[in-house]
Amino acid sequence: MIVDATDTPRPAPLHTRVIARLAAELDRVLPPGLEAFPELETELPGRSPEVPDLVVTAAQVDEQARVRADQVVLAVEVVSTGADAVRDYAVKAGEYAANGIAHYWVLDIIDPASPGLTVYTLDALGEYRIAPRATGVVQLAGTVPMVLDLPALTARRG
């Protein structure tokens, strides 16, 4: 949920569950020195700061009030309503690409029984290459190589 950092509605429990679980999964596989941070204010030059649902960046940014776009290794947005979809899939993708964020994931939980992941990777021309939407258990390569069980991110405990 990226909006101007003012008057942003708080996420619903499912949205929060997914962010917490994804952060834990990322922290489990990230190399030393990188860490996943939920809702970290991110400076995009020429714009108001944005607050991605999750960013992966250097662990020592915990000494800063906010991070710069050039410090973000991965930005993640969780789409939990149809109203968020256009902004997350198109508008934010354009903003993040224009600011050099090399990796961007959109995790779609509009249907919690069938969550999907779309991976954007910045190419040499500064444009995102978009992988087809993946569902189920996903094998990811690149900066954050991991196996990610998407349904486990949305499932209730118990």
N, C-alpha and C. Protein backbone atom coordinates (compact mmCIF):
# COMPACT_ATOMS: atom_id res chain seq x y z
N MET A 1 0.84 -1.16 0.00
CA MET A 1 0.00 0.00 0.00
C MET A 1 0.89 1.22 0.00
N ILE A 2 1.20 1.76 -1.14
CA ILE A 2 1.99 2.97 -1.22
C ILE A 2 1.07 4.12 -1.50
N VAL A 3 1.10 5.05 -0.64
CA VAL A 3 0.34 6.27 -0.82
C VAL A 3 1.22 7.34 -0.22
N ASP A 4 0.87 8.56 -0.43
CA ASP A 4 1.52 9.62 0.29
C ASP A 4 1.58 9.20 1.75
N ALA A 5 2.62 9.52 2.44
CA ALA A 5 2.77 9.05 3.82
C ALA A 5 1.76 9.68 4.78
N THR A 6 0.79 10.41 4.28
CA THR A 6 -0.22 11.03 5.14
C THR A 6 -1.55 10.32 4.98
N ASP A 7 -2.26 10.15 6.07
CA ASP A 7 -3.62 9.61 6.08
C ASP A 7 -3.76 8.28 5.33
N THR A 8 -2.79 7.41 5.48
CA THR A 8 -2.84 6.10 4.84
C THR A 8 -3.64 5.15 5.72
N PRO A 9 -4.68 4.52 5.16
CA PRO A 9 -5.42 3.55 5.98
C PRO A 9 -4.52 2.36 6.31
N ARG A 10 -4.69 1.81 7.48
CA ARG A 10 -3.88 0.67 7.91
C ARG A 10 -4.35 -0.59 7.19
N PRO A 11 -3.43 -1.51 6.91
CA PRO A 11 -3.81 -2.73 6.20
C PRO A 11 -4.67 -3.66 7.04
N ALA A 12 -5.45 -4.48 6.34
CA ALA A 12 -6.30 -5.49 6.98
C ALA A 12 -5.42 -6.62 7.53
N PRO A 13 -5.97 -7.45 8.42
CA PRO A 13 -5.19 -8.54 9.03
C PRO A 13 -4.54 -9.48 8.00
N LEU A 14 -5.26 -9.87 6.95
CA LEU A 14 -4.66 -10.77 5.96
C LEU A 14 -3.45 -10.13 5.30
N HIS A 15 -3.58 -8.88 4.93
CA HIS A 15 -2.50 -8.12 4.31
C HIS A 15 -1.28 -8.11 5.25
N THR A 16 -1.52 -7.84 6.51
CA THR A 16 -0.46 -7.79 7.51
C THR A 16 0.18 -9.16 7.72
N ARG A 17 -0.63 -10.21 7.74
CA ARG A 17 -0.11 -11.58 7.88
C ARG A 17 0.87 -11.89 6.75
N VAL A 18 0.46 -11.57 5.53
CA VAL A 18 1.29 -11.88 4.36
C VAL A 18 2.62 -11.12 4.44
N ILE A 19 2.57 -9.85 4.80
CA ILE A 19 3.80 -9.06 4.90
C ILE A 19 4.73 -9.66 5.96
N ALA A 20 4.20 -10.00 7.12
CA ALA A 20 5.02 -10.56 8.20
C ALA A 20 5.65 -11.89 7.77
N ARG A 21 4.86 -12.74 7.15
CA ARG A 21 5.39 -14.05 6.74
C ARG A 21 6.42 -13.92 5.62
N LEU A 22 6.15 -13.03 4.67
CA LEU A 22 7.11 -12.84 3.59
C LEU A 22 8.41 -12.26 4.13
N ALA A 23 8.33 -11.31 5.05
CA ALA A 23 9.55 -10.75 5.65
C ALA A 23 10.36 -11.84 6.34
N ALA A 24 9.70 -12.72 7.06
CA ALA A 24 10.40 -13.82 7.74
C ALA A 24 11.06 -14.75 6.73
N GLU A 25 10.34 -15.08 5.65
CA GLU A 25 10.91 -15.96 4.62
C GLU A 25 12.12 -15.31 3.95
N LEU A 26 12.01 -14.02 3.64
CA LEU A 26 13.13 -13.32 3.02
C LEU A 26 14.33 -13.27 3.96
N ASP A 27 14.10 -12.90 5.21
CA ASP A 27 15.21 -12.82 6.16
C ASP A 27 15.92 -14.16 6.33
N ARG A 28 15.18 -15.24 6.16
CA ARG A 28 15.76 -16.59 6.29
C ARG A 28 16.77 -16.87 5.17
N VAL A 29 16.56 -16.29 3.97
CA VAL A 29 17.41 -16.63 2.83
C VAL A 29 18.33 -15.50 2.36
N LEU A 30 18.12 -14.29 2.86
CA LEU A 30 18.95 -13.18 2.41
C LEU A 30 20.39 -13.34 2.88
N PRO A 31 21.34 -12.88 2.07
CA PRO A 31 22.73 -12.95 2.51
C PRO A 31 22.99 -11.98 3.66
N PRO A 32 24.05 -12.22 4.43
CA PRO A 32 24.39 -11.31 5.52
C PRO A 32 24.49 -9.88 5.00
N GLY A 33 23.99 -8.96 5.80
CA GLY A 33 24.05 -7.55 5.43
C GLY A 33 22.78 -7.01 4.80
N LEU A 34 21.90 -7.91 4.35
CA LEU A 34 20.60 -7.49 3.81
C LEU A 34 19.50 -7.90 4.76
N GLU A 35 18.44 -7.11 4.79
CA GLU A 35 17.32 -7.39 5.68
C GLU A 35 16.02 -6.91 5.05
N ALA A 36 14.92 -7.59 5.37
CA ALA A 36 13.59 -7.19 4.91
C ALA A 36 12.95 -6.30 5.96
N PHE A 37 12.45 -5.15 5.52
CA PHE A 37 11.81 -4.18 6.42
C PHE A 37 10.39 -3.90 5.94
N PRO A 38 9.38 -4.11 6.76
CA PRO A 38 8.01 -3.73 6.38
C PRO A 38 7.83 -2.21 6.48
N GLU A 39 7.06 -1.68 5.53
CA GLU A 39 6.59 -0.29 5.56
C GLU A 39 7.68 0.72 5.89
N LEU A 40 8.78 0.65 5.16
CA LEU A 40 9.90 1.57 5.36
C LEU A 40 9.75 2.74 4.39
N GLU A 41 9.73 3.95 4.90
CA GLU A 41 9.56 5.12 4.05
C GLU A 41 10.74 5.22 3.09
N THR A 42 10.43 5.38 1.80
CA THR A 42 11.43 5.35 0.74
C THR A 42 11.36 6.64 -0.06
N GLU A 43 12.49 7.32 -0.20
CA GLU A 43 12.54 8.57 -0.95
C GLU A 43 12.66 8.27 -2.45
N LEU A 44 11.76 8.85 -3.22
CA LEU A 44 11.83 8.81 -4.67
C LEU A 44 12.06 10.25 -5.12
N PRO A 45 13.21 10.56 -5.73
CA PRO A 45 13.51 11.95 -6.09
C PRO A 45 12.37 12.61 -6.87
N GLY A 46 12.05 13.84 -6.46
CA GLY A 46 11.02 14.60 -7.15
C GLY A 46 9.60 14.24 -6.77
N ARG A 47 9.42 13.36 -5.80
CA ARG A 47 8.09 12.91 -5.37
C ARG A 47 8.03 12.92 -3.85
N SER A 48 6.82 12.75 -3.36
CA SER A 48 6.66 12.52 -1.92
C SER A 48 7.22 11.14 -1.60
N PRO A 49 7.69 10.93 -0.38
CA PRO A 49 8.17 9.59 -0.02
C PRO A 49 7.05 8.56 -0.18
N GLU A 50 7.42 7.35 -0.53
CA GLU A 50 6.48 6.24 -0.65
C GLU A 50 6.77 5.25 0.46
N VAL A 51 5.79 4.40 0.74
CA VAL A 51 5.94 3.39 1.79
C VAL A 51 5.56 2.03 1.22
N PRO A 52 6.53 1.35 0.56
CA PRO A 52 6.23 0.00 0.07
C PRO A 52 5.86 -0.92 1.23
N ASP A 53 5.09 -1.95 0.94
CA ASP A 53 4.73 -2.91 1.98
C ASP A 53 5.97 -3.56 2.59
N LEU A 54 6.99 -3.77 1.76
CA LEU A 54 8.20 -4.42 2.22
C LEU A 54 9.35 -3.97 1.33
N VAL A 55 10.51 -3.72 1.91
CA VAL A 55 11.71 -3.47 1.12
C VAL A 55 12.84 -4.33 1.66
N VAL A 56 13.72 -4.74 0.75
CA VAL A 56 14.96 -5.39 1.13
C VAL A 56 16.06 -4.38 0.87
N THR A 57 16.87 -4.16 1.90
CA THR A 57 17.94 -3.18 1.80
C THR A 57 19.03 -3.56 2.81
N ALA A 58 20.08 -2.78 2.84
CA ALA A 58 21.17 -3.05 3.79
C ALA A 58 20.67 -2.94 5.22
N ALA A 59 21.10 -3.86 6.06
CA ALA A 59 20.65 -3.88 7.45
C ALA A 59 20.99 -2.60 8.20
N GLN A 60 22.09 -1.94 7.84
CA GLN A 60 22.48 -0.75 8.59
C GLN A 60 21.60 0.47 8.32
N VAL A 61 20.61 0.36 7.44
CA VAL A 61 19.68 1.49 7.27
C VAL A 61 18.84 1.71 8.51
N ASP A 62 18.89 0.79 9.46
CA ASP A 62 18.12 1.00 10.69
C ASP A 62 18.60 2.23 11.46
N GLU A 63 19.69 2.83 11.01
CA GLU A 63 20.19 4.06 11.62
C GLU A 63 19.64 5.30 10.91
N GLN A 64 18.85 5.11 9.86
CA GLN A 64 18.30 6.21 9.07
C GLN A 64 16.81 6.36 9.35
N ALA A 65 16.28 7.55 9.11
CA ALA A 65 14.84 7.77 9.25
C ALA A 65 14.08 7.18 8.08
N ARG A 66 14.69 7.18 6.90
CA ARG A 66 14.09 6.61 5.69
C ARG A 66 15.21 6.18 4.76
N VAL A 67 14.87 5.43 3.73
CA VAL A 67 15.89 4.99 2.77
C VAL A 67 15.70 5.71 1.45
N ARG A 68 16.76 5.76 0.69
CA ARG A 68 16.70 6.30 -0.67
C ARG A 68 16.40 5.16 -1.63
N ALA A 69 15.80 5.48 -2.75
CA ALA A 69 15.48 4.46 -3.75
C ALA A 69 16.72 3.67 -4.17
N ASP A 70 17.87 4.34 -4.26
CA ASP A 70 19.08 3.64 -4.70
C ASP A 70 19.62 2.66 -3.65
N GLN A 71 19.04 2.66 -2.45
CA GLN A 71 19.43 1.70 -1.41
C GLN A 71 18.53 0.47 -1.41
N VAL A 72 17.46 0.50 -2.18
CA VAL A 72 16.48 -0.59 -2.17
C VAL A 72 16.88 -1.67 -3.17
N VAL A 73 17.07 -2.88 -2.67
CA VAL A 73 17.40 -4.03 -3.51
C VAL A 73 16.13 -4.63 -4.10
N LEU A 74 15.06 -4.66 -3.31
CA LEU A 74 13.77 -5.23 -3.71
C LEU A 74 12.67 -4.45 -3.01
N ALA A 75 11.65 -4.07 -3.78
CA ALA A 75 10.43 -3.48 -3.21
C ALA A 75 9.30 -4.47 -3.46
N VAL A 76 8.41 -4.61 -2.47
CA VAL A 76 7.27 -5.54 -2.59
C VAL A 76 6.00 -4.79 -2.24
N GLU A 77 4.99 -4.97 -3.07
CA GLU A 77 3.65 -4.48 -2.77
C GLU A 77 2.71 -5.67 -2.69
N VAL A 78 1.84 -5.67 -1.70
CA VAL A 78 0.82 -6.70 -1.55
C VAL A 78 -0.50 -6.09 -1.99
N VAL A 79 -1.13 -6.70 -2.99
CA VAL A 79 -2.41 -6.22 -3.52
C VAL A 79 -3.51 -7.03 -2.87
N SER A 80 -4.33 -6.36 -2.06
CA SER A 80 -5.40 -7.08 -1.38
C SER A 80 -6.79 -6.62 -1.80
N THR A 81 -6.86 -5.56 -2.59
CA THR A 81 -8.15 -5.12 -3.13
C THR A 81 -7.98 -4.74 -4.59
N GLY A 82 -9.07 -4.80 -5.33
CA GLY A 82 -9.02 -4.42 -6.74
C GLY A 82 -8.62 -2.97 -6.93
N ALA A 83 -8.97 -2.13 -5.97
CA ALA A 83 -8.63 -0.71 -6.07
C ALA A 83 -7.12 -0.49 -6.04
N ASP A 84 -6.38 -1.37 -5.36
CA ASP A 84 -4.92 -1.26 -5.28
C ASP A 84 -4.23 -1.76 -6.55
N ALA A 85 -4.89 -2.61 -7.30
CA ALA A 85 -4.23 -3.33 -8.38
C ALA A 85 -3.62 -2.42 -9.43
N VAL A 86 -4.36 -1.47 -9.95
CA VAL A 86 -3.82 -0.61 -11.01
C VAL A 86 -2.61 0.16 -10.50
N ARG A 87 -2.71 0.70 -9.31
CA ARG A 87 -1.58 1.45 -8.76
C ARG A 87 -0.36 0.56 -8.58
N ASP A 88 -0.56 -0.63 -8.03
CA ASP A 88 0.58 -1.50 -7.75
C ASP A 88 1.19 -2.10 -9.01
N TYR A 89 0.36 -2.54 -9.94
CA TYR A 89 0.87 -3.19 -11.15
C TYR A 89 1.42 -2.20 -12.17
N ALA A 90 0.89 -1.00 -12.24
CA ALA A 90 1.30 -0.07 -13.30
C ALA A 90 1.99 1.18 -12.76
N VAL A 91 1.28 1.96 -11.96
CA VAL A 91 1.81 3.24 -11.51
C VAL A 91 3.09 3.07 -10.70
N LYS A 92 3.04 2.24 -9.68
CA LYS A 92 4.22 2.06 -8.83
C LYS A 92 5.35 1.39 -9.59
N ALA A 93 5.02 0.48 -10.48
CA ALA A 93 6.07 -0.15 -11.29
C ALA A 93 6.82 0.91 -12.09
N GLY A 94 6.09 1.85 -12.67
CA GLY A 94 6.73 2.93 -13.41
C GLY A 94 7.60 3.81 -12.53
N GLU A 95 7.09 4.14 -11.35
CA GLU A 95 7.84 4.97 -10.41
C GLU A 95 9.11 4.27 -9.94
N TYR A 96 8.98 3.00 -9.60
CA TYR A 96 10.13 2.26 -9.11
C TYR A 96 11.18 2.07 -10.21
N ALA A 97 10.74 1.77 -11.42
CA ALA A 97 11.69 1.62 -12.53
C ALA A 97 12.41 2.95 -12.78
N ALA A 98 11.67 4.04 -12.80
CA ALA A 98 12.26 5.36 -13.05
C ALA A 98 13.28 5.74 -11.99
N ASN A 99 13.16 5.16 -10.81
CA ASN A 99 14.08 5.46 -9.72
C ASN A 99 15.12 4.38 -9.49
N GLY A 100 15.22 3.44 -10.44
CA GLY A 100 16.30 2.46 -10.42
C GLY A 100 16.18 1.33 -9.43
N ILE A 101 14.96 1.06 -8.94
CA ILE A 101 14.78 -0.08 -8.04
C ILE A 101 14.80 -1.34 -8.90
N ALA A 102 15.86 -2.13 -8.76
CA ALA A 102 16.14 -3.22 -9.69
C ALA A 102 15.13 -4.36 -9.66
N HIS A 103 14.53 -4.60 -8.50
CA HIS A 103 13.60 -5.73 -8.36
C HIS A 103 12.34 -5.27 -7.66
N TYR A 104 11.21 -5.66 -8.22
CA TYR A 104 9.90 -5.28 -7.69
C TYR A 104 8.99 -6.49 -7.79
N TRP A 105 8.34 -6.84 -6.69
CA TRP A 105 7.38 -7.94 -6.67
C TRP A 105 6.01 -7.40 -6.33
N VAL A 106 5.00 -7.90 -7.04
CA VAL A 106 3.61 -7.63 -6.67
C VAL A 106 3.01 -8.96 -6.25
N LEU A 107 2.61 -9.04 -5.00
CA LEU A 107 1.99 -10.24 -4.44
C LEU A 107 0.50 -9.99 -4.35
N ASP A 108 -0.26 -10.69 -5.17
CA ASP A 108 -1.70 -10.48 -5.31
C ASP A 108 -2.45 -11.47 -4.42
N ILE A 109 -3.15 -10.93 -3.40
CA ILE A 109 -3.92 -11.78 -2.49
C ILE A 109 -5.41 -11.43 -2.55
N ILE A 110 -5.84 -10.87 -3.68
CA ILE A 110 -7.27 -10.54 -3.82
C ILE A 110 -8.11 -11.79 -3.59
N ASP A 111 -7.65 -12.92 -4.13
CA ASP A 111 -8.26 -14.22 -3.83
C ASP A 111 -7.27 -14.97 -2.94
N PRO A 112 -7.46 -14.94 -1.62
CA PRO A 112 -6.49 -15.56 -0.71
C PRO A 112 -6.26 -17.05 -0.95
N ALA A 113 -7.22 -17.72 -1.56
CA ALA A 113 -7.06 -19.15 -1.84
C ALA A 113 -6.12 -19.39 -3.02
N SER A 114 -5.86 -18.36 -3.81
CA SER A 114 -5.00 -18.50 -4.99
C SER A 114 -4.11 -17.27 -5.15
N PRO A 115 -3.20 -17.03 -4.19
CA PRO A 115 -2.33 -15.86 -4.32
C PRO A 115 -1.39 -16.01 -5.51
N GLY A 116 -0.99 -14.88 -6.06
CA GLY A 116 -0.08 -14.89 -7.20
C GLY A 116 1.04 -13.89 -7.02
N LEU A 117 2.14 -14.15 -7.69
CA LEU A 117 3.31 -13.29 -7.61
C LEU A 117 3.74 -12.89 -9.01
N THR A 118 3.90 -11.59 -9.22
CA THR A 118 4.44 -11.06 -10.47
C THR A 118 5.78 -10.42 -10.15
N VAL A 119 6.82 -10.84 -10.87
CA VAL A 119 8.18 -10.37 -10.62
C VAL A 119 8.60 -9.43 -11.74
N TYR A 120 9.07 -8.25 -11.35
CA TYR A 120 9.58 -7.24 -12.27
C TYR A 120 11.08 -7.12 -12.05
N THR A 121 11.86 -7.15 -13.14
CA THR A 121 13.31 -7.03 -13.04
C THR A 121 13.77 -5.95 -14.01
N LEU A 122 14.52 -4.97 -13.50
CA LEU A 122 14.98 -3.85 -14.30
C LEU A 122 16.03 -4.32 -15.30
N ASP A 123 15.87 -3.93 -16.57
CA ASP A 123 16.84 -4.30 -17.60
C ASP A 123 17.84 -3.16 -17.82
N ALA A 124 18.75 -3.36 -18.76
CA ALA A 124 19.81 -2.38 -19.02
C ALA A 124 19.27 -1.04 -19.53
N LEU A 125 18.06 -1.04 -20.08
CA LEU A 125 17.45 0.19 -20.57
C LEU A 125 16.65 0.92 -19.49
N GLY A 126 16.63 0.36 -18.28
CA GLY A 126 15.89 0.99 -17.19
C GLY A 126 14.40 0.70 -17.23
N GLU A 127 14.03 -0.35 -17.93
CA GLU A 127 12.62 -0.76 -18.00
C GLU A 127 12.47 -2.13 -17.36
N TYR A 128 11.29 -2.37 -16.78
CA TYR A 128 11.06 -3.66 -16.15
C TYR A 128 10.72 -4.73 -17.17
N ARG A 129 11.35 -5.87 -17.00
CA ARG A 129 10.92 -7.11 -17.67
C ARG A 129 9.98 -7.76 -16.68
N ILE A 130 8.82 -8.18 -17.15
CA ILE A 130 7.78 -8.70 -16.27
C ILE A 130 7.60 -10.19 -16.52
N ALA A 131 7.82 -10.98 -15.48
CA ALA A 131 7.60 -12.43 -15.58
C ALA A 131 6.11 -12.71 -15.48
N PRO A 132 5.64 -13.79 -16.11
CA PRO A 132 4.22 -14.14 -15.97
C PRO A 132 3.86 -14.38 -14.50
N ARG A 133 2.62 -14.08 -14.16
CA ARG A 133 2.12 -14.28 -12.79
C ARG A 133 2.30 -15.75 -12.40
N ALA A 134 2.91 -15.98 -11.25
CA ALA A 134 3.14 -17.34 -10.75
C ALA A 134 2.23 -17.61 -9.57
N THR A 135 1.83 -18.86 -9.42
CA THR A 135 0.98 -19.27 -8.30
C THR A 135 1.57 -20.54 -7.67
N GLY A 136 1.03 -20.92 -6.52
CA GLY A 136 1.48 -22.15 -5.87
C GLY A 136 2.83 -21.98 -5.21
N VAL A 137 3.67 -22.99 -5.36
CA VAL A 137 5.04 -22.94 -4.84
C VAL A 137 5.93 -22.46 -5.97
N VAL A 138 6.63 -21.35 -5.74
CA VAL A 138 7.38 -20.66 -6.79
C VAL A 138 8.87 -20.76 -6.52
N GLN A 139 9.62 -21.12 -7.55
CA GLN A 139 11.09 -21.14 -7.48
C GLN A 139 11.58 -19.81 -8.03
N LEU A 140 12.23 -19.01 -7.20
CA LEU A 140 12.73 -17.70 -7.61
C LEU A 140 14.24 -17.75 -7.73
N ALA A 141 14.76 -17.08 -8.77
CA ALA A 141 16.20 -16.98 -8.97
C ALA A 141 16.58 -15.51 -8.88
N GLY A 142 17.82 -15.20 -9.15
CA GLY A 142 18.23 -13.81 -9.17
C GLY A 142 18.76 -13.34 -7.83
N THR A 143 18.46 -12.09 -7.50
CA THR A 143 19.00 -11.47 -6.29
C THR A 143 18.56 -12.17 -5.02
N VAL A 144 17.32 -12.67 -5.02
CA VAL A 144 16.79 -13.36 -3.83
C VAL A 144 16.36 -14.76 -4.25
N PRO A 145 17.33 -15.69 -4.44
CA PRO A 145 16.94 -17.05 -4.83
C PRO A 145 16.27 -17.76 -3.66
N MET A 146 15.09 -18.30 -3.92
CA MET A 146 14.35 -18.97 -2.86
C MET A 146 13.18 -19.73 -3.44
N VAL A 147 12.66 -20.64 -2.64
CA VAL A 147 11.40 -21.30 -2.95
C VAL A 147 10.37 -20.65 -2.05
N LEU A 148 9.29 -20.14 -2.65
CA LEU A 148 8.28 -19.41 -1.90
C LEU A 148 6.93 -20.09 -2.08
N ASP A 149 6.37 -20.54 -0.98
CA ASP A 149 5.06 -21.18 -0.96
C ASP A 149 4.01 -20.09 -0.78
N LEU A 150 3.43 -19.64 -1.89
CA LEU A 150 2.49 -18.52 -1.83
C LEU A 150 1.25 -18.83 -0.98
N PRO A 151 0.60 -20.00 -1.13
CA PRO A 151 -0.57 -20.28 -0.28
C PRO A 151 -0.24 -20.28 1.22
N ALA A 152 0.98 -20.64 1.59
CA ALA A 152 1.35 -20.63 3.01
C ALA A 152 1.40 -19.20 3.57
N LEU A 153 1.61 -18.22 2.70
CA LEU A 153 1.64 -16.83 3.16
C LEU A 153 0.26 -16.34 3.59
N THR A 154 -0.79 -16.87 2.96
CA THR A 154 -2.15 -16.41 3.26
C THR A 154 -2.89 -17.31 4.24
N ALA A 155 -2.40 -18.53 4.44
CA ALA A 155 -3.12 -19.52 5.25
C ALA A 155 -3.19 -19.13 6.73
N ARG A 156 -4.32 -19.43 7.34
CA ARG A 156 -4.47 -19.22 8.78
C ARG A 156 -3.66 -20.27 9.54
N ARG A 157 -3.15 -19.90 10.70
CA ARG A 157 -2.48 -20.88 11.55
C ARG A 157 -3.52 -21.76 12.20
N GLY A 158 -3.12 -23.00 12.44
CA GLY A 158 -4.02 -23.87 13.20
C GLY A 158 -4.61 -24.87 12.38
